[in-house]
Amino acid sequence: MDYRATYPLALQVLSRLIDLCLVLGGLSIVTLVFVNATLRGAAGFDLAWSLEVTAFLLLWTTFLGCAAAIARGAHMRVTEIVELFFPAKVQHFLSIAINLVVLVTMVSLIVEGYSISTHTWAQKTTVLYWPVGFLYASMPVGIALSLIFHVFNMLHDWRSPPGRNGPPIAHHVDGADTGAVL
């Protein structure tokens, strides 16, 4: 379920900003790799700094992409076994337990990522002399944004458990759920 339509305005804006960063980051990665490969093949040299920038962009877009996927409810779940063997009430409590485990895991990743980032901040990259900690900061920042979306998604799911008649959901012409609450 795409949760973005149920978010308060501030979270909707945050989600759009993350999407914009992902588009710009992805375009930058493709452009840098293409230009660098073209220069290497056609002119016999490459841009040494492009490898470092691409590595930074790849890590940052990966963790920002995690937040964007959580906002969309797009992370993969395998629910067939649970749906086959457990009644709806047990499924709901199992969902709560899984969400809490994910929450604890995210907090742990934020704490450890922050520690790694601060411990490597004094190290510099070889070409651009950027702090290596900036590279590692992508994890705690991306996971913190993911955590914000995850908490709102959990609250939404707890308030509207499956099987309960909630507000009507908008559907595409083909019947697919858009996630927008009418």
N, C-alpha and C. Protein backbone atom coordinates (compact mmCIF):
# COMPACT_ATOMS: atom_id res chain seq x y z
N MET A 1 0.84 -1.18 0.00
CA MET A 1 0.00 0.00 0.00
C MET A 1 0.88 1.24 0.00
N ASP A 2 0.57 2.16 -0.85
CA ASP A 2 1.29 3.43 -0.90
C ASP A 2 0.72 4.33 0.19
N TYR A 3 1.52 4.62 1.19
CA TYR A 3 1.06 5.36 2.36
C TYR A 3 1.10 6.87 2.17
N ARG A 4 1.77 7.34 1.13
CA ARG A 4 2.06 8.78 1.02
C ARG A 4 0.82 9.66 1.06
N ALA A 5 -0.30 9.20 0.53
CA ALA A 5 -1.52 10.02 0.53
C ALA A 5 -2.09 10.21 1.93
N THR A 6 -1.72 9.34 2.87
CA THR A 6 -2.23 9.43 4.24
C THR A 6 -1.31 10.25 5.14
N TYR A 7 -0.15 10.67 4.64
CA TYR A 7 0.80 11.42 5.46
C TYR A 7 0.36 12.86 5.66
N PRO A 8 0.78 13.46 6.78
CA PRO A 8 0.60 14.91 6.93
C PRO A 8 1.43 15.64 5.87
N LEU A 9 1.12 16.88 5.63
CA LEU A 9 1.76 17.66 4.58
C LEU A 9 3.28 17.65 4.69
N ALA A 10 3.82 17.80 5.89
CA ALA A 10 5.27 17.84 6.06
C ALA A 10 5.92 16.55 5.56
N LEU A 11 5.31 15.41 5.84
CA LEU A 11 5.87 14.14 5.39
C LEU A 11 5.70 13.96 3.88
N GLN A 12 4.62 14.47 3.33
CA GLN A 12 4.45 14.41 1.88
C GLN A 12 5.53 15.23 1.18
N VAL A 13 5.84 16.40 1.74
CA VAL A 13 6.89 17.24 1.18
C VAL A 13 8.25 16.54 1.31
N LEU A 14 8.50 15.94 2.48
CA LEU A 14 9.75 15.21 2.69
C LEU A 14 9.87 14.07 1.68
N SER A 15 8.80 13.34 1.46
CA SER A 15 8.82 12.24 0.50
C SER A 15 9.13 12.75 -0.91
N ARG A 16 8.54 13.88 -1.28
CA ARG A 16 8.81 14.45 -2.61
C ARG A 16 10.26 14.93 -2.73
N LEU A 17 10.80 15.50 -1.65
CA LEU A 17 12.20 15.93 -1.67
C LEU A 17 13.14 14.74 -1.82
N ILE A 18 12.83 13.66 -1.14
CA ILE A 18 13.63 12.44 -1.27
C ILE A 18 13.55 11.93 -2.70
N ASP A 19 12.35 11.93 -3.27
CA ASP A 19 12.19 11.49 -4.66
C ASP A 19 13.02 12.36 -5.61
N LEU A 20 13.01 13.67 -5.38
CA LEU A 20 13.80 14.58 -6.21
C LEU A 20 15.29 14.27 -6.08
N CYS A 21 15.76 14.05 -4.85
CA CYS A 21 17.17 13.69 -4.64
C CYS A 21 17.52 12.39 -5.35
N LEU A 22 16.59 11.43 -5.34
CA LEU A 22 16.84 10.16 -6.02
C LEU A 22 16.93 10.34 -7.53
N VAL A 23 16.06 11.17 -8.08
CA VAL A 23 16.11 11.42 -9.53
C VAL A 23 17.41 12.11 -9.90
N LEU A 24 17.75 13.16 -9.16
CA LEU A 24 18.99 13.90 -9.45
C LEU A 24 20.22 13.02 -9.23
N GLY A 25 20.21 12.24 -8.17
CA GLY A 25 21.33 11.33 -7.90
C GLY A 25 21.47 10.28 -8.98
N GLY A 26 20.35 9.68 -9.38
CA GLY A 26 20.39 8.66 -10.43
C GLY A 26 20.87 9.22 -11.76
N LEU A 27 20.36 10.38 -12.12
CA LEU A 27 20.81 11.03 -13.36
C LEU A 27 22.30 11.37 -13.30
N SER A 28 22.75 11.83 -12.15
CA SER A 28 24.17 12.17 -11.99
C SER A 28 25.04 10.93 -12.11
N ILE A 29 24.60 9.83 -11.52
CA ILE A 29 25.37 8.58 -11.60
C ILE A 29 25.49 8.13 -13.05
N VAL A 30 24.37 8.10 -13.75
CA VAL A 30 24.38 7.66 -15.15
C VAL A 30 25.25 8.59 -15.99
N THR A 31 25.12 9.88 -15.79
CA THR A 31 25.91 10.85 -16.56
C THR A 31 27.40 10.69 -16.29
N LEU A 32 27.77 10.61 -15.02
CA LEU A 32 29.19 10.48 -14.67
C LEU A 32 29.80 9.20 -15.23
N VAL A 33 29.10 8.10 -15.08
CA VAL A 33 29.63 6.82 -15.58
C VAL A 33 29.75 6.86 -17.11
N PHE A 34 28.73 7.40 -17.78
CA PHE A 34 28.76 7.48 -19.24
C PHE A 34 29.91 8.37 -19.72
N VAL A 35 30.02 9.57 -19.14
CA VAL A 35 31.08 10.49 -19.56
C VAL A 35 32.44 9.91 -19.27
N ASN A 36 32.61 9.31 -18.10
CA ASN A 36 33.91 8.73 -17.75
C ASN A 36 34.28 7.58 -18.68
N ALA A 37 33.31 6.71 -18.99
CA ALA A 37 33.59 5.59 -19.90
C ALA A 37 33.89 6.09 -21.31
N THR A 38 33.17 7.11 -21.75
CA THR A 38 33.40 7.69 -23.08
C THR A 38 34.79 8.31 -23.16
N LEU A 39 35.16 9.07 -22.13
CA LEU A 39 36.50 9.68 -22.11
C LEU A 39 37.59 8.61 -22.09
N ARG A 40 37.37 7.57 -21.32
CA ARG A 40 38.38 6.51 -21.23
C ARG A 40 38.54 5.82 -22.59
N GLY A 41 37.42 5.56 -23.26
CA GLY A 41 37.48 4.86 -24.55
C GLY A 41 37.94 5.75 -25.69
N ALA A 42 37.43 6.98 -25.73
CA ALA A 42 37.70 7.86 -26.87
C ALA A 42 38.98 8.67 -26.72
N ALA A 43 39.24 9.14 -25.52
CA ALA A 43 40.37 10.04 -25.33
C ALA A 43 41.54 9.39 -24.59
N GLY A 44 41.31 8.22 -24.01
CA GLY A 44 42.40 7.51 -23.34
C GLY A 44 42.66 7.97 -21.92
N PHE A 45 41.79 8.76 -21.35
CA PHE A 45 41.95 9.14 -19.94
C PHE A 45 40.58 9.16 -19.28
N ASP A 46 40.59 9.20 -17.97
CA ASP A 46 39.32 9.27 -17.25
C ASP A 46 39.40 10.33 -16.17
N LEU A 47 38.25 10.63 -15.60
CA LEU A 47 38.16 11.61 -14.52
C LEU A 47 38.27 10.86 -13.19
N ALA A 48 39.39 11.00 -12.52
CA ALA A 48 39.62 10.24 -11.29
C ALA A 48 38.58 10.56 -10.22
N TRP A 49 38.17 11.80 -10.16
CA TRP A 49 37.21 12.21 -9.14
C TRP A 49 35.82 11.62 -9.37
N SER A 50 35.51 11.23 -10.62
CA SER A 50 34.16 10.73 -10.91
C SER A 50 33.88 9.41 -10.17
N LEU A 51 34.90 8.60 -9.94
CA LEU A 51 34.70 7.34 -9.22
C LEU A 51 34.29 7.59 -7.77
N GLU A 52 34.93 8.57 -7.13
CA GLU A 52 34.57 8.89 -5.75
C GLU A 52 33.17 9.49 -5.67
N VAL A 53 32.86 10.40 -6.58
CA VAL A 53 31.53 11.02 -6.58
C VAL A 53 30.47 9.97 -6.83
N THR A 54 30.72 9.07 -7.77
CA THR A 54 29.76 8.01 -8.07
C THR A 54 29.56 7.10 -6.87
N ALA A 55 30.62 6.76 -6.17
CA ALA A 55 30.50 5.91 -4.97
C ALA A 55 29.65 6.62 -3.90
N PHE A 56 29.89 7.90 -3.70
CA PHE A 56 29.09 8.66 -2.74
C PHE A 56 27.62 8.67 -3.15
N LEU A 57 27.38 8.98 -4.42
CA LEU A 57 26.01 9.05 -4.91
C LEU A 57 25.30 7.69 -4.82
N LEU A 58 26.02 6.62 -5.12
CA LEU A 58 25.41 5.29 -5.04
C LEU A 58 24.98 4.96 -3.62
N LEU A 59 25.84 5.25 -2.65
CA LEU A 59 25.47 4.96 -1.26
C LEU A 59 24.31 5.83 -0.80
N TRP A 60 24.38 7.11 -1.09
CA TRP A 60 23.30 8.00 -0.65
C TRP A 60 21.98 7.67 -1.33
N THR A 61 22.01 7.36 -2.64
CA THR A 61 20.75 7.01 -3.29
C THR A 61 20.21 5.67 -2.80
N THR A 62 21.09 4.77 -2.41
CA THR A 62 20.63 3.48 -1.86
C THR A 62 19.82 3.69 -0.59
N PHE A 63 20.37 4.45 0.34
CA PHE A 63 19.68 4.62 1.63
C PHE A 63 18.49 5.58 1.53
N LEU A 64 18.58 6.57 0.66
CA LEU A 64 17.40 7.41 0.42
C LEU A 64 16.32 6.62 -0.30
N GLY A 65 16.74 5.71 -1.17
CA GLY A 65 15.79 4.84 -1.85
C GLY A 65 15.06 3.92 -0.87
N CYS A 66 15.73 3.53 0.19
CA CYS A 66 15.09 2.73 1.24
C CYS A 66 13.94 3.52 1.86
N ALA A 67 14.19 4.78 2.16
CA ALA A 67 13.14 5.63 2.74
C ALA A 67 11.99 5.82 1.76
N ALA A 68 12.31 6.03 0.49
CA ALA A 68 11.26 6.20 -0.53
C ALA A 68 10.42 4.93 -0.67
N ALA A 69 11.06 3.78 -0.60
CA ALA A 69 10.33 2.51 -0.72
C ALA A 69 9.42 2.31 0.49
N ILE A 70 9.88 2.67 1.67
CA ILE A 70 9.04 2.52 2.87
C ILE A 70 7.84 3.46 2.78
N ALA A 71 8.05 4.67 2.30
CA ALA A 71 6.93 5.60 2.15
C ALA A 71 5.87 5.05 1.20
N ARG A 72 6.30 4.29 0.23
CA ARG A 72 5.38 3.70 -0.75
C ARG A 72 4.83 2.35 -0.29
N GLY A 73 5.36 1.83 0.82
CA GLY A 73 4.96 0.49 1.24
C GLY A 73 5.45 -0.55 0.26
N ALA A 74 6.59 -0.30 -0.38
CA ALA A 74 7.05 -1.13 -1.49
C ALA A 74 8.09 -2.17 -1.10
N HIS A 75 8.46 -2.26 0.17
CA HIS A 75 9.41 -3.30 0.55
C HIS A 75 8.71 -4.65 0.48
N MET A 76 9.44 -5.63 0.01
CA MET A 76 8.87 -6.95 -0.23
C MET A 76 8.47 -7.65 1.08
N ARG A 77 7.32 -8.27 1.06
CA ARG A 77 6.85 -9.11 2.15
C ARG A 77 6.32 -10.40 1.55
N VAL A 78 6.58 -11.49 2.24
CA VAL A 78 6.02 -12.77 1.83
C VAL A 78 4.97 -13.12 2.87
N THR A 79 3.71 -12.97 2.49
CA THR A 79 2.61 -13.13 3.46
C THR A 79 1.77 -14.38 3.21
N GLU A 80 2.06 -15.12 2.15
CA GLU A 80 1.21 -16.25 1.80
C GLU A 80 1.13 -17.30 2.91
N ILE A 81 2.25 -17.64 3.51
CA ILE A 81 2.28 -18.67 4.56
C ILE A 81 1.49 -18.20 5.78
N VAL A 82 1.71 -16.95 6.18
CA VAL A 82 0.99 -16.41 7.34
C VAL A 82 -0.51 -16.39 7.06
N GLU A 83 -0.89 -15.95 5.87
CA GLU A 83 -2.31 -15.90 5.53
C GLU A 83 -2.94 -17.28 5.44
N LEU A 84 -2.14 -18.27 5.07
CA LEU A 84 -2.64 -19.63 4.93
C LEU A 84 -2.87 -20.31 6.29
N PHE A 85 -1.97 -20.06 7.25
CA PHE A 85 -2.01 -20.81 8.50
C PHE A 85 -2.56 -20.06 9.71
N PHE A 86 -2.71 -18.75 9.63
CA PHE A 86 -3.12 -18.00 10.81
C PHE A 86 -4.39 -17.20 10.53
N PRO A 87 -5.28 -17.10 11.55
CA PRO A 87 -6.47 -16.26 11.39
C PRO A 87 -6.09 -14.78 11.36
N ALA A 88 -7.05 -13.94 10.95
CA ALA A 88 -6.79 -12.51 10.76
C ALA A 88 -6.28 -11.84 12.03
N LYS A 89 -6.83 -12.18 13.21
CA LYS A 89 -6.36 -11.53 14.44
C LYS A 89 -4.91 -11.86 14.73
N VAL A 90 -4.51 -13.11 14.53
CA VAL A 90 -3.13 -13.50 14.75
C VAL A 90 -2.22 -12.81 13.73
N GLN A 91 -2.70 -12.70 12.50
CA GLN A 91 -1.92 -12.01 11.47
C GLN A 91 -1.66 -10.56 11.87
N HIS A 92 -2.69 -9.93 12.44
CA HIS A 92 -2.54 -8.53 12.86
C HIS A 92 -1.49 -8.41 13.96
N PHE A 93 -1.53 -9.29 14.95
CA PHE A 93 -0.54 -9.23 16.04
C PHE A 93 0.86 -9.60 15.54
N LEU A 94 0.93 -10.52 14.61
CA LEU A 94 2.22 -10.87 14.01
C LEU A 94 2.77 -9.68 13.24
N SER A 95 1.91 -8.97 12.54
CA SER A 95 2.33 -7.77 11.82
C SER A 95 2.89 -6.72 12.78
N ILE A 96 2.22 -6.55 13.92
CA ILE A 96 2.70 -5.60 14.94
C ILE A 96 4.08 -6.02 15.44
N ALA A 97 4.24 -7.31 15.73
CA ALA A 97 5.54 -7.81 16.23
C ALA A 97 6.64 -7.58 15.19
N ILE A 98 6.35 -7.86 13.94
CA ILE A 98 7.34 -7.67 12.87
C ILE A 98 7.69 -6.19 12.74
N ASN A 99 6.69 -5.32 12.79
CA ASN A 99 6.95 -3.88 12.71
C ASN A 99 7.83 -3.40 13.86
N LEU A 100 7.62 -3.95 15.05
CA LEU A 100 8.45 -3.57 16.20
C LEU A 100 9.88 -4.07 16.04
N VAL A 101 10.05 -5.27 15.50
CA VAL A 101 11.41 -5.78 15.24
C VAL A 101 12.11 -4.89 14.21
N VAL A 102 11.39 -4.50 13.17
CA VAL A 102 11.96 -3.61 12.15
C VAL A 102 12.34 -2.27 12.79
N LEU A 103 11.49 -1.76 13.65
CA LEU A 103 11.76 -0.49 14.34
C LEU A 103 13.04 -0.58 15.17
N VAL A 104 13.19 -1.64 15.95
CA VAL A 104 14.39 -1.83 16.77
C VAL A 104 15.62 -1.97 15.89
N THR A 105 15.48 -2.71 14.80
CA THR A 105 16.61 -2.87 13.87
C THR A 105 17.03 -1.53 13.28
N MET A 106 16.06 -0.72 12.91
CA MET A 106 16.37 0.60 12.35
C MET A 106 17.09 1.48 13.37
N VAL A 107 16.61 1.48 14.59
CA VAL A 107 17.28 2.27 15.63
C VAL A 107 18.71 1.79 15.82
N SER A 108 18.91 0.49 15.81
CA SER A 108 20.26 -0.07 15.94
C SER A 108 21.15 0.36 14.78
N LEU A 109 20.61 0.34 13.56
CA LEU A 109 21.39 0.77 12.40
C LEU A 109 21.74 2.25 12.46
N ILE A 110 20.82 3.05 12.97
CA ILE A 110 21.10 4.49 13.12
C ILE A 110 22.23 4.71 14.11
N VAL A 111 22.16 4.04 15.25
CA VAL A 111 23.19 4.20 16.29
C VAL A 111 24.55 3.73 15.77
N GLU A 112 24.60 2.54 15.19
CA GLU A 112 25.87 2.01 14.68
C GLU A 112 26.39 2.83 13.51
N GLY A 113 25.48 3.25 12.61
CA GLY A 113 25.89 4.07 11.48
C GLY A 113 26.46 5.41 11.91
N TYR A 114 25.83 6.01 12.92
CA TYR A 114 26.35 7.27 13.46
C TYR A 114 27.74 7.07 14.04
N SER A 115 27.92 5.97 14.75
CA SER A 115 29.23 5.68 15.34
C SER A 115 30.29 5.50 14.26
N ILE A 116 29.98 4.75 13.24
CA ILE A 116 30.93 4.54 12.15
C ILE A 116 31.25 5.87 11.46
N SER A 117 30.21 6.65 11.21
CA SER A 117 30.41 7.93 10.53
C SER A 117 31.29 8.88 11.33
N THR A 118 31.03 8.99 12.62
CA THR A 118 31.84 9.91 13.44
C THR A 118 33.27 9.42 13.60
N HIS A 119 33.46 8.11 13.65
CA HIS A 119 34.83 7.58 13.80
C HIS A 119 35.65 7.69 12.52
N THR A 120 35.01 7.82 11.38
CA THR A 120 35.75 7.92 10.12
C THR A 120 35.73 9.32 9.52
N TRP A 121 35.15 10.27 10.25
CA TRP A 121 35.02 11.62 9.70
C TRP A 121 36.38 12.27 9.45
N ALA A 122 37.37 11.98 10.23
CA ALA A 122 38.68 12.60 10.08
C ALA A 122 39.44 12.05 8.87
N GLN A 123 39.09 10.85 8.41
CA GLN A 123 39.75 10.29 7.23
C GLN A 123 39.26 11.01 5.98
N LYS A 124 40.15 11.17 5.02
CA LYS A 124 39.80 11.86 3.78
C LYS A 124 39.89 10.91 2.60
N THR A 125 39.05 11.15 1.59
CA THR A 125 39.13 10.35 0.37
C THR A 125 40.40 10.73 -0.39
N THR A 126 40.85 9.84 -1.28
CA THR A 126 42.16 10.03 -1.91
C THR A 126 42.21 11.13 -2.96
N VAL A 127 41.12 11.39 -3.66
CA VAL A 127 41.16 12.37 -4.75
C VAL A 127 40.54 13.70 -4.33
N LEU A 128 39.34 13.67 -3.79
CA LEU A 128 38.62 14.90 -3.47
C LEU A 128 38.85 15.39 -2.04
N TYR A 129 39.43 14.55 -1.21
CA TYR A 129 39.69 14.88 0.18
C TYR A 129 38.40 15.20 0.95
N TRP A 130 37.33 14.50 0.59
CA TRP A 130 36.09 14.61 1.34
C TRP A 130 36.19 13.72 2.56
N PRO A 131 35.48 14.05 3.63
CA PRO A 131 35.50 13.18 4.81
C PRO A 131 34.85 11.82 4.48
N VAL A 132 35.54 10.74 4.82
CA VAL A 132 35.00 9.41 4.60
C VAL A 132 33.71 9.23 5.42
N GLY A 133 33.65 9.89 6.56
CA GLY A 133 32.45 9.81 7.40
C GLY A 133 31.21 10.30 6.69
N PHE A 134 31.37 11.21 5.72
CA PHE A 134 30.23 11.68 4.94
C PHE A 134 29.65 10.54 4.10
N LEU A 135 30.53 9.69 3.60
CA LEU A 135 30.09 8.51 2.86
C LEU A 135 29.27 7.60 3.77
N TYR A 136 29.79 7.33 4.96
CA TYR A 136 29.10 6.44 5.90
C TYR A 136 27.89 7.08 6.56
N ALA A 137 27.79 8.40 6.51
CA ALA A 137 26.62 9.08 7.09
C ALA A 137 25.35 8.77 6.31
N SER A 138 25.50 8.24 5.11
CA SER A 138 24.32 7.89 4.31
C SER A 138 23.44 6.87 5.03
N MET A 139 24.06 5.95 5.79
CA MET A 139 23.26 4.94 6.47
C MET A 139 22.41 5.52 7.59
N PRO A 140 22.97 6.22 8.57
CA PRO A 140 22.09 6.73 9.63
C PRO A 140 21.07 7.75 9.13
N VAL A 141 21.45 8.56 8.15
CA VAL A 141 20.50 9.55 7.64
C VAL A 141 19.36 8.86 6.89
N GLY A 142 19.72 7.95 5.98
CA GLY A 142 18.70 7.24 5.21
C GLY A 142 17.80 6.38 6.09
N ILE A 143 18.38 5.72 7.07
CA ILE A 143 17.58 4.87 7.95
C ILE A 143 16.73 5.72 8.88
N ALA A 144 17.23 6.88 9.31
CA ALA A 144 16.41 7.77 10.14
C ALA A 144 15.18 8.25 9.36
N LEU A 145 15.37 8.59 8.11
CA LEU A 145 14.23 8.98 7.27
C LEU A 145 13.28 7.79 7.09
N SER A 146 13.85 6.61 6.90
CA SER A 146 13.04 5.40 6.79
C SER A 146 12.24 5.16 8.05
N LEU A 147 12.87 5.40 9.19
CA LEU A 147 12.21 5.19 10.48
C LEU A 147 11.01 6.12 10.63
N ILE A 148 11.16 7.35 10.21
CA ILE A 148 10.05 8.30 10.29
C ILE A 148 8.85 7.77 9.50
N PHE A 149 9.11 7.34 8.27
CA PHE A 149 8.02 6.80 7.45
C PHE A 149 7.47 5.51 8.05
N HIS A 150 8.35 4.66 8.56
CA HIS A 150 7.91 3.38 9.13
C HIS A 150 6.99 3.60 10.33
N VAL A 151 7.32 4.56 11.18
CA VAL A 151 6.48 4.84 12.35
C VAL A 151 5.09 5.29 11.90
N PHE A 152 5.03 6.19 10.94
CA PHE A 152 3.71 6.63 10.45
C PHE A 152 2.94 5.49 9.78
N ASN A 153 3.66 4.64 9.05
CA ASN A 153 3.00 3.49 8.42
C ASN A 153 2.46 2.53 9.48
N MET A 154 3.25 2.29 10.54
CA MET A 154 2.80 1.42 11.63
C MET A 154 1.55 1.98 12.29
N LEU A 155 1.57 3.27 12.58
CA LEU A 155 0.41 3.89 13.22
C LEU A 155 -0.82 3.79 12.32
N HIS A 156 -0.63 3.98 11.03
CA HIS A 156 -1.75 3.84 10.09
C HIS A 156 -2.30 2.42 10.11
N ASP A 157 -1.40 1.44 10.07
CA ASP A 157 -1.83 0.04 10.07
C ASP A 157 -2.50 -0.35 11.38
N TRP A 158 -2.02 0.17 12.49
CA TRP A 158 -2.63 -0.15 13.79
C TRP A 158 -4.03 0.44 13.89
N ARG A 159 -4.21 1.62 13.32
CA ARG A 159 -5.52 2.26 13.37
C ARG A 159 -6.50 1.64 12.38
N SER A 160 -5.99 1.05 11.32
CA SER A 160 -6.83 0.46 10.28
C SER A 160 -6.40 -0.97 10.00
N PRO A 161 -6.63 -1.89 10.95
CA PRO A 161 -6.19 -3.27 10.71
C PRO A 161 -6.98 -3.89 9.57
N PRO A 162 -6.40 -4.91 8.94
CA PRO A 162 -7.10 -5.58 7.83
C PRO A 162 -8.44 -6.13 8.28
N GLY A 163 -9.43 -6.04 7.42
CA GLY A 163 -10.75 -6.56 7.74
C GLY A 163 -11.66 -5.54 8.39
N ARG A 164 -11.07 -4.47 8.91
CA ARG A 164 -11.89 -3.43 9.53
C ARG A 164 -12.33 -2.45 8.45
N ASN A 165 -13.55 -2.03 8.52
CA ASN A 165 -14.05 -1.09 7.51
C ASN A 165 -13.51 0.29 7.79
N GLY A 166 -12.54 0.70 6.99
CA GLY A 166 -11.97 2.03 7.12
C GLY A 166 -12.50 2.91 6.02
N PRO A 167 -11.84 4.04 5.82
CA PRO A 167 -12.27 4.93 4.74
C PRO A 167 -12.07 4.24 3.40
N PRO A 168 -12.89 4.57 2.42
CA PRO A 168 -12.73 3.94 1.11
C PRO A 168 -11.38 4.30 0.49
N ILE A 169 -10.82 3.36 -0.23
CA ILE A 169 -9.52 3.54 -0.87
C ILE A 169 -9.74 3.75 -2.37
N ALA A 170 -9.01 4.71 -2.94
CA ALA A 170 -9.11 4.98 -4.38
C ALA A 170 -8.47 3.84 -5.16
N HIS A 171 -9.00 3.52 -6.31
CA HIS A 171 -8.47 2.46 -7.16
C HIS A 171 -8.24 3.00 -8.57
N HIS A 172 -7.23 2.41 -9.23
CA HIS A 172 -7.03 2.71 -10.64
C HIS A 172 -8.16 2.08 -11.44
N VAL A 173 -8.23 2.42 -12.70
CA VAL A 173 -9.25 1.85 -13.59
C VAL A 173 -9.12 0.33 -13.62
N ASP A 174 -7.85 -0.19 -13.53
CA ASP A 174 -7.65 -1.62 -13.58
C ASP A 174 -7.93 -2.31 -12.25
N GLY A 175 -8.35 -1.55 -11.24
CA GLY A 175 -8.69 -2.13 -9.95
C GLY A 175 -7.56 -2.12 -8.95
N ALA A 176 -6.37 -1.70 -9.34
CA ALA A 176 -5.23 -1.68 -8.43
C ALA A 176 -5.42 -0.59 -7.38
N ASP A 177 -5.01 -0.89 -6.16
CA ASP A 177 -5.13 0.05 -5.05
C ASP A 177 -4.10 1.16 -5.21
N THR A 178 -4.53 2.42 -5.20
CA THR A 178 -3.60 3.54 -5.28
C THR A 178 -3.09 3.95 -3.91
N GLY A 179 -3.76 3.51 -2.85
CA GLY A 179 -3.38 3.87 -1.50
C GLY A 179 -3.97 5.20 -1.04
N ALA A 180 -4.60 5.92 -1.93
CA ALA A 180 -5.16 7.21 -1.57
C ALA A 180 -6.50 7.00 -0.85
N VAL A 181 -6.63 7.64 0.29
CA VAL A 181 -7.88 7.56 1.06
C VAL A 181 -8.83 8.61 0.52
N LEU A 182 -10.04 8.19 0.22
CA LEU A 182 -11.03 9.14 -0.32
C LEU A 182 -11.73 9.88 0.79
